[in-house]
Structure formats: structure tokens, C-alpha cells
Amino acid sequence: MNEMIGKAVAKASTDELFQALSYGALKVRAARIASNHIIRIGKFDLMVAEDENGDGQVVQAILPMEEMQVMALANARELDSSAEGWSESDRRQWLADFWDGLAQYLAKWQGIRMRRGPGENMTFEKAVSR
């Protein structure tokens, strides 16, 4: 299953959300857009915000956890048709491993930070400048 998680993570990392975050960071930097603005990139509304240290800006996307799980499980089914018949505990374990792998992959290769919250959402953010 680890090989499948790696393939699912690599596939998910090409999702248009992550492309939108990268493009959004470039756009904010080039246009010098101030914090507390919302920009639309493709189908995503991205928030321009101060980073957690107050030293710079980030572009954030906050999406429902359920929507992200649908994307992740669709990738799993594309890679392995037996994923359709997983038990609830297998599905939960696979998703936990997938989220860990995706967070590491996005941070390392795309400079995107991923975290759970607020509430039943997931937040993705990319630094505008460092």
C-alpha cells in the first residue's frame, strides 16, 4: 500500500489547486497585492494573508475536508480498483497515511504548507516571498 500512497500523492500534487496557489503567490508578488484581499485563480478564491510570524505574506486556500477526501479516494480508486471495497478502518488508515505523505511532498517540492482546520477544513498556503 505504501507504493500506492506514493503514487497517489504524486498524482494529487498536480491538482489544479496547487497550481493555483503557486500562480497566486506569483501574482500577489508581482502586483503587490495587500493582505486581507481575496484573489480568484481559476475556480479557487485565495486569501492573501500575513504569515504566522507577521514577516511576510502567504496565499491561502481553505477547502472542506470532505472535498479533499473525495479527491484523495478518487486517486486511490484510479490506481487500484480494490480501493472501492475498503472497510471504513482501511479507508481511514489510508487517508491518514496519504495526508502525511501529501503534506511532506508539498512542503518539499512546492513550498506549500498543509494543515487541518479551521473546523472541518484543510488549509493550504504558499509563501508569497521569503
N, C-alpha and C. Protein backbone atom coordinates (compact mmCIF):
# COMPACT_ATOMS: atom_id res chain seq x y z
N MET A 1 0.82 -1.20 0.00
CA MET A 1 0.00 0.00 0.00
C MET A 1 0.86 1.27 0.00
N ASN A 2 2.10 1.20 0.53
CA ASN A 2 2.97 2.37 0.56
C ASN A 2 3.30 2.88 -0.83
N GLU A 3 3.52 1.97 -1.76
CA GLU A 3 3.80 2.38 -3.13
C GLU A 3 2.58 3.10 -3.72
N MET A 4 1.40 2.60 -3.40
CA MET A 4 0.18 3.23 -3.90
C MET A 4 0.01 4.62 -3.30
N ILE A 5 0.34 4.78 -2.04
CA ILE A 5 0.25 6.10 -1.41
C ILE A 5 1.20 7.07 -2.10
N GLY A 6 2.42 6.62 -2.37
CA GLY A 6 3.38 7.47 -3.07
C GLY A 6 2.88 7.91 -4.43
N LYS A 7 2.29 6.98 -5.17
CA LYS A 7 1.75 7.32 -6.49
C LYS A 7 0.55 8.26 -6.36
N ALA A 8 -0.30 8.01 -5.37
CA ALA A 8 -1.48 8.86 -5.17
C ALA A 8 -1.06 10.27 -4.76
N VAL A 9 -0.04 10.38 -3.93
CA VAL A 9 0.48 11.68 -3.50
C VAL A 9 1.04 12.44 -4.70
N ALA A 10 1.84 11.76 -5.51
CA ALA A 10 2.41 12.42 -6.70
C ALA A 10 1.32 12.89 -7.65
N LYS A 11 0.30 12.07 -7.83
CA LYS A 11 -0.82 12.43 -8.71
C LYS A 11 -1.60 13.61 -8.13
N ALA A 12 -1.88 13.56 -6.84
CA ALA A 12 -2.64 14.63 -6.19
C ALA A 12 -1.89 15.96 -6.23
N SER A 13 -0.56 15.90 -6.16
CA SER A 13 0.23 17.13 -6.12
C SER A 13 0.14 17.92 -7.42
N THR A 14 -0.37 17.30 -8.47
CA THR A 14 -0.54 18.02 -9.75
C THR A 14 -1.93 18.63 -9.88
N ASP A 15 -2.74 18.52 -8.84
CA ASP A 15 -4.10 19.06 -8.86
C ASP A 15 -4.06 20.57 -9.13
N GLU A 16 -5.10 21.06 -9.77
CA GLU A 16 -5.15 22.48 -10.14
C GLU A 16 -5.12 23.40 -8.92
N LEU A 17 -5.51 22.91 -7.75
CA LEU A 17 -5.43 23.72 -6.53
C LEU A 17 -4.00 24.17 -6.28
N PHE A 18 -3.05 23.24 -6.38
CA PHE A 18 -1.67 23.55 -6.06
C PHE A 18 -1.03 24.43 -7.15
N GLN A 19 -1.47 24.26 -8.36
CA GLN A 19 -1.03 25.15 -9.44
C GLN A 19 -1.58 26.56 -9.19
N ALA A 20 -2.83 26.65 -8.73
CA ALA A 20 -3.44 27.95 -8.45
C ALA A 20 -2.70 28.67 -7.31
N LEU A 21 -2.30 27.92 -6.28
CA LEU A 21 -1.56 28.54 -5.18
C LEU A 21 -0.23 29.11 -5.65
N SER A 22 0.48 28.36 -6.48
CA SER A 22 1.76 28.84 -6.99
C SER A 22 1.57 30.07 -7.87
N TYR A 23 0.60 30.02 -8.76
CA TYR A 23 0.32 31.17 -9.62
C TYR A 23 -0.15 32.36 -8.78
N GLY A 24 -0.99 32.10 -7.78
CA GLY A 24 -1.47 33.16 -6.91
C GLY A 24 -0.35 33.86 -6.18
N ALA A 25 0.64 33.09 -5.69
CA ALA A 25 1.78 33.69 -5.00
C ALA A 25 2.57 34.60 -5.94
N LEU A 26 2.76 34.15 -7.18
CA LEU A 26 3.45 34.99 -8.17
C LEU A 26 2.66 36.26 -8.47
N LYS A 27 1.36 36.11 -8.61
CA LYS A 27 0.50 37.26 -8.94
C LYS A 27 0.52 38.29 -7.80
N VAL A 28 0.42 37.82 -6.57
CA VAL A 28 0.43 38.73 -5.42
C VAL A 28 1.77 39.46 -5.34
N ARG A 29 2.86 38.73 -5.56
CA ARG A 29 4.18 39.34 -5.51
C ARG A 29 4.33 40.38 -6.61
N ALA A 30 3.93 40.04 -7.82
CA ALA A 30 4.10 40.96 -8.95
C ALA A 30 3.21 42.19 -8.85
N ALA A 31 1.98 41.99 -8.41
CA ALA A 31 1.03 43.10 -8.34
C ALA A 31 1.07 43.83 -7.00
N ARG A 32 1.87 43.30 -6.07
CA ARG A 32 1.98 43.89 -4.73
C ARG A 32 0.61 44.04 -4.07
N ILE A 33 -0.13 42.96 -4.10
CA ILE A 33 -1.47 42.95 -3.51
C ILE A 33 -1.34 42.87 -1.99
N ALA A 34 -2.10 43.70 -1.30
CA ALA A 34 -2.03 43.77 0.15
C ALA A 34 -2.74 42.59 0.80
N SER A 35 -2.39 42.35 2.04
CA SER A 35 -3.05 41.31 2.82
C SER A 35 -4.53 41.63 2.98
N ASN A 36 -5.30 40.61 3.32
CA ASN A 36 -6.74 40.70 3.54
C ASN A 36 -7.51 40.95 2.25
N HIS A 37 -6.95 40.52 1.15
CA HIS A 37 -7.65 40.56 -0.13
C HIS A 37 -7.89 39.13 -0.60
N ILE A 38 -8.91 38.97 -1.40
CA ILE A 38 -9.20 37.68 -2.00
C ILE A 38 -8.95 37.80 -3.49
N ILE A 39 -8.20 36.84 -4.02
CA ILE A 39 -7.96 36.82 -5.46
C ILE A 39 -8.54 35.52 -6.01
N ARG A 40 -9.01 35.58 -7.22
CA ARG A 40 -9.59 34.39 -7.86
C ARG A 40 -8.60 33.88 -8.90
N ILE A 41 -8.20 32.63 -8.73
CA ILE A 41 -7.33 31.95 -9.68
C ILE A 41 -8.07 30.69 -10.11
N GLY A 42 -8.47 30.65 -11.37
CA GLY A 42 -9.27 29.51 -11.83
C GLY A 42 -10.57 29.46 -11.07
N LYS A 43 -10.88 28.32 -10.49
CA LYS A 43 -12.12 28.17 -9.72
C LYS A 43 -11.91 28.39 -8.22
N PHE A 44 -10.71 28.85 -7.84
CA PHE A 44 -10.39 28.98 -6.43
C PHE A 44 -10.32 30.43 -5.99
N ASP A 45 -10.93 30.71 -4.84
CA ASP A 45 -10.79 32.00 -4.18
C ASP A 45 -9.68 31.85 -3.16
N LEU A 46 -8.61 32.60 -3.35
CA LEU A 46 -7.45 32.51 -2.47
C LEU A 46 -7.36 33.77 -1.63
N MET A 47 -7.04 33.59 -0.37
CA MET A 47 -6.91 34.70 0.56
C MET A 47 -5.45 35.11 0.67
N VAL A 48 -5.19 36.39 0.56
CA VAL A 48 -3.85 36.92 0.79
C VAL A 48 -3.81 37.31 2.27
N ALA A 49 -2.87 36.73 3.00
CA ALA A 49 -2.83 36.95 4.45
C ALA A 49 -1.39 37.14 4.91
N GLU A 50 -1.23 37.65 6.13
CA GLU A 50 0.09 37.73 6.76
C GLU A 50 0.49 36.32 7.16
N ASP A 51 1.79 36.02 7.08
CA ASP A 51 2.24 34.72 7.56
C ASP A 51 2.13 34.68 9.08
N GLU A 52 2.32 33.52 9.66
CA GLU A 52 2.08 33.38 11.09
C GLU A 52 3.05 34.19 11.95
N ASN A 53 4.21 34.57 11.41
CA ASN A 53 5.16 35.39 12.15
C ASN A 53 4.97 36.88 11.90
N GLY A 54 4.13 37.22 10.93
CA GLY A 54 3.92 38.62 10.58
C GLY A 54 5.06 39.21 9.77
N ASP A 55 5.93 38.35 9.23
CA ASP A 55 7.10 38.82 8.48
C ASP A 55 6.86 38.93 6.99
N GLY A 56 5.80 38.34 6.49
CA GLY A 56 5.56 38.33 5.05
C GLY A 56 4.12 37.96 4.77
N GLN A 57 3.89 37.56 3.54
CA GLN A 57 2.54 37.21 3.11
C GLN A 57 2.49 35.77 2.62
N VAL A 58 1.29 35.22 2.70
CA VAL A 58 1.00 33.90 2.14
C VAL A 58 -0.29 33.99 1.35
N VAL A 59 -0.43 33.05 0.45
CA VAL A 59 -1.68 32.88 -0.27
C VAL A 59 -2.28 31.59 0.28
N GLN A 60 -3.55 31.66 0.73
CA GLN A 60 -4.20 30.52 1.37
C GLN A 60 -5.42 30.06 0.60
N ALA A 61 -5.61 28.75 0.62
CA ALA A 61 -6.85 28.15 0.14
C ALA A 61 -7.38 27.30 1.29
N ILE A 62 -8.63 27.48 1.63
CA ILE A 62 -9.27 26.69 2.68
C ILE A 62 -10.42 25.93 2.03
N LEU A 63 -10.30 24.60 2.06
CA LEU A 63 -11.28 23.74 1.41
C LEU A 63 -11.86 22.74 2.39
N PRO A 64 -13.11 22.33 2.17
CA PRO A 64 -13.73 21.35 3.07
C PRO A 64 -12.96 20.02 3.04
N MET A 65 -12.76 19.45 4.21
CA MET A 65 -12.07 18.16 4.33
C MET A 65 -12.75 17.10 3.47
N GLU A 66 -14.07 17.12 3.44
CA GLU A 66 -14.82 16.13 2.66
C GLU A 66 -14.46 16.20 1.18
N GLU A 67 -14.33 17.41 0.66
CA GLU A 67 -13.96 17.59 -0.75
C GLU A 67 -12.57 17.04 -1.03
N MET A 68 -11.65 17.26 -0.11
CA MET A 68 -10.29 16.76 -0.28
C MET A 68 -10.25 15.24 -0.17
N GLN A 69 -11.07 14.66 0.70
CA GLN A 69 -11.13 13.21 0.81
C GLN A 69 -11.66 12.57 -0.46
N VAL A 70 -12.64 13.20 -1.08
CA VAL A 70 -13.18 12.69 -2.34
C VAL A 70 -12.08 12.65 -3.39
N MET A 71 -11.27 13.71 -3.48
CA MET A 71 -10.16 13.76 -4.43
C MET A 71 -9.15 12.66 -4.13
N ALA A 72 -8.79 12.50 -2.87
CA ALA A 72 -7.79 11.50 -2.49
C ALA A 72 -8.26 10.09 -2.80
N LEU A 73 -9.51 9.78 -2.45
CA LEU A 73 -10.03 8.44 -2.68
C LEU A 73 -10.25 8.17 -4.17
N ALA A 74 -10.56 9.19 -4.95
CA ALA A 74 -10.67 9.02 -6.40
C ALA A 74 -9.31 8.63 -6.98
N ASN A 75 -8.25 9.25 -6.48
CA ASN A 75 -6.91 8.87 -6.92
C ASN A 75 -6.59 7.44 -6.53
N ALA A 76 -7.00 7.03 -5.34
CA ALA A 76 -6.75 5.66 -4.89
C ALA A 76 -7.48 4.66 -5.79
N ARG A 77 -8.73 4.96 -6.14
CA ARG A 77 -9.51 4.05 -7.00
C ARG A 77 -8.93 3.97 -8.41
N GLU A 78 -8.38 5.08 -8.90
CA GLU A 78 -7.74 5.06 -10.22
C GLU A 78 -6.50 4.16 -10.23
N LEU A 79 -5.79 4.16 -9.12
CA LEU A 79 -4.57 3.37 -9.04
C LEU A 79 -4.82 1.91 -8.69
N ASP A 80 -5.90 1.66 -7.95
CA ASP A 80 -6.19 0.29 -7.51
C ASP A 80 -7.69 0.14 -7.35
N SER A 81 -8.30 -0.62 -8.23
CA SER A 81 -9.75 -0.76 -8.21
C SER A 81 -10.25 -1.43 -6.93
N SER A 82 -9.41 -2.14 -6.21
CA SER A 82 -9.86 -2.77 -4.95
C SER A 82 -10.13 -1.73 -3.86
N ALA A 83 -9.68 -0.49 -4.07
CA ALA A 83 -9.91 0.57 -3.09
C ALA A 83 -11.41 0.82 -2.89
N GLU A 84 -12.20 0.49 -3.88
CA GLU A 84 -13.66 0.68 -3.80
C GLU A 84 -14.25 -0.15 -2.66
N GLY A 85 -13.66 -1.30 -2.37
CA GLY A 85 -14.21 -2.20 -1.36
C GLY A 85 -13.54 -2.12 0.00
N TRP A 86 -12.75 -1.08 0.23
CA TRP A 86 -12.08 -0.96 1.53
C TRP A 86 -13.07 -0.83 2.66
N SER A 87 -12.70 -1.37 3.82
CA SER A 87 -13.50 -1.19 5.03
C SER A 87 -13.29 0.25 5.51
N GLU A 88 -14.13 0.67 6.42
CA GLU A 88 -14.02 2.04 6.95
C GLU A 88 -12.67 2.24 7.64
N SER A 89 -12.20 1.25 8.38
CA SER A 89 -10.91 1.39 9.07
C SER A 89 -9.75 1.43 8.07
N ASP A 90 -9.82 0.64 6.99
CA ASP A 90 -8.78 0.68 5.95
C ASP A 90 -8.77 2.05 5.26
N ARG A 91 -9.95 2.57 5.00
CA ARG A 91 -10.07 3.88 4.34
C ARG A 91 -9.48 4.98 5.22
N ARG A 92 -9.83 4.95 6.52
CA ARG A 92 -9.31 5.96 7.45
C ARG A 92 -7.78 5.89 7.55
N GLN A 93 -7.25 4.65 7.63
CA GLN A 93 -5.80 4.49 7.73
C GLN A 93 -5.11 4.96 6.46
N TRP A 94 -5.68 4.61 5.32
CA TRP A 94 -5.08 5.04 4.05
C TRP A 94 -5.09 6.56 3.94
N LEU A 95 -6.20 7.19 4.32
CA LEU A 95 -6.28 8.66 4.25
C LEU A 95 -5.27 9.30 5.19
N ALA A 96 -5.10 8.76 6.39
CA ALA A 96 -4.13 9.32 7.34
C ALA A 96 -2.72 9.26 6.75
N ASP A 97 -2.38 8.11 6.17
CA ASP A 97 -1.06 7.97 5.54
C ASP A 97 -0.92 8.88 4.32
N PHE A 98 -2.01 9.00 3.56
CA PHE A 98 -2.00 9.87 2.38
C PHE A 98 -1.77 11.32 2.77
N TRP A 99 -2.49 11.82 3.80
CA TRP A 99 -2.33 13.22 4.22
C TRP A 99 -0.92 13.48 4.69
N ASP A 100 -0.34 12.55 5.44
CA ASP A 100 1.04 12.72 5.89
C ASP A 100 1.99 12.81 4.70
N GLY A 101 1.81 11.90 3.75
CA GLY A 101 2.66 11.90 2.56
C GLY A 101 2.49 13.14 1.71
N LEU A 102 1.24 13.57 1.54
CA LEU A 102 0.98 14.76 0.73
C LEU A 102 1.57 16.00 1.38
N ALA A 103 1.44 16.13 2.70
CA ALA A 103 1.99 17.30 3.40
C ALA A 103 3.50 17.36 3.21
N GLN A 104 4.18 16.23 3.34
CA GLN A 104 5.63 16.20 3.16
C GLN A 104 6.02 16.53 1.72
N TYR A 105 5.32 15.95 0.77
CA TYR A 105 5.62 16.16 -0.64
C TYR A 105 5.42 17.62 -1.03
N LEU A 106 4.29 18.19 -0.64
CA LEU A 106 4.01 19.59 -1.00
C LEU A 106 5.02 20.53 -0.37
N ALA A 107 5.39 20.28 0.88
CA ALA A 107 6.37 21.15 1.55
C ALA A 107 7.73 21.06 0.87
N LYS A 108 8.14 19.86 0.53
CA LYS A 108 9.47 19.67 -0.05
C LYS A 108 9.57 20.18 -1.48
N TRP A 109 8.60 19.85 -2.32
CA TRP A 109 8.73 20.12 -3.74
C TRP A 109 8.02 21.37 -4.23
N GLN A 110 7.02 21.84 -3.50
CA GLN A 110 6.27 23.00 -3.99
C GLN A 110 6.24 24.16 -2.99
N GLY A 111 6.79 23.97 -1.81
CA GLY A 111 6.79 25.03 -0.81
C GLY A 111 5.40 25.37 -0.31
N ILE A 112 4.51 24.37 -0.32
CA ILE A 112 3.14 24.57 0.14
C ILE A 112 2.97 23.90 1.49
N ARG A 113 2.47 24.65 2.44
CA ARG A 113 2.20 24.13 3.78
C ARG A 113 0.75 23.67 3.85
N MET A 114 0.54 22.51 4.42
CA MET A 114 -0.80 21.92 4.52
C MET A 114 -1.08 21.66 5.99
N ARG A 115 -2.30 22.01 6.42
CA ARG A 115 -2.69 21.71 7.80
C ARG A 115 -4.19 21.54 7.89
N ARG A 116 -4.62 20.85 8.92
CA ARG A 116 -6.04 20.67 9.17
C ARG A 116 -6.60 21.91 9.85
N GLY A 117 -7.85 22.21 9.52
CA GLY A 117 -8.52 23.32 10.17
C GLY A 117 -8.59 24.52 9.24
N PRO A 118 -9.33 25.49 9.59
CA PRO A 118 -10.19 25.55 10.78
C PRO A 118 -11.40 24.64 10.64
N GLY A 119 -11.85 24.13 11.74
CA GLY A 119 -13.03 23.25 11.75
C GLY A 119 -12.81 22.01 10.90
N GLU A 120 -13.78 21.69 10.09
CA GLU A 120 -13.73 20.51 9.22
C GLU A 120 -13.17 20.87 7.84
N ASN A 121 -12.12 21.64 7.83
CA ASN A 121 -11.49 22.10 6.58
C ASN A 121 -10.02 21.74 6.57
N MET A 122 -9.42 21.96 5.42
CA MET A 122 -7.97 21.85 5.28
C MET A 122 -7.47 23.18 4.71
N THR A 123 -6.35 23.63 5.23
CA THR A 123 -5.76 24.88 4.77
C THR A 123 -4.45 24.59 4.06
N PHE A 124 -4.29 25.19 2.91
CA PHE A 124 -3.07 25.09 2.12
C PHE A 124 -2.56 26.51 1.95
N GLU A 125 -1.26 26.72 2.17
CA GLU A 125 -0.73 28.06 1.98
C GLU A 125 0.66 28.02 1.36
N LYS A 126 0.90 29.03 0.55
CA LYS A 126 2.19 29.18 -0.10
C LYS A 126 2.69 30.58 0.18
N ALA A 127 3.96 30.67 0.56
CA ALA A 127 4.55 31.97 0.85
C ALA A 127 4.66 32.79 -0.42
N VAL A 128 4.33 34.06 -0.29
CA VAL A 128 4.46 34.99 -1.42
C VAL A 128 5.92 35.36 -1.59
N SER A 129 6.59 35.61 -0.48
CA SER A 129 8.02 35.91 -0.51
C SER A 129 8.64 35.38 0.76
N ARG A 130 9.94 35.24 0.72
CA ARG A 130 10.64 34.72 1.91
C ARG A 130 11.62 35.72 2.42
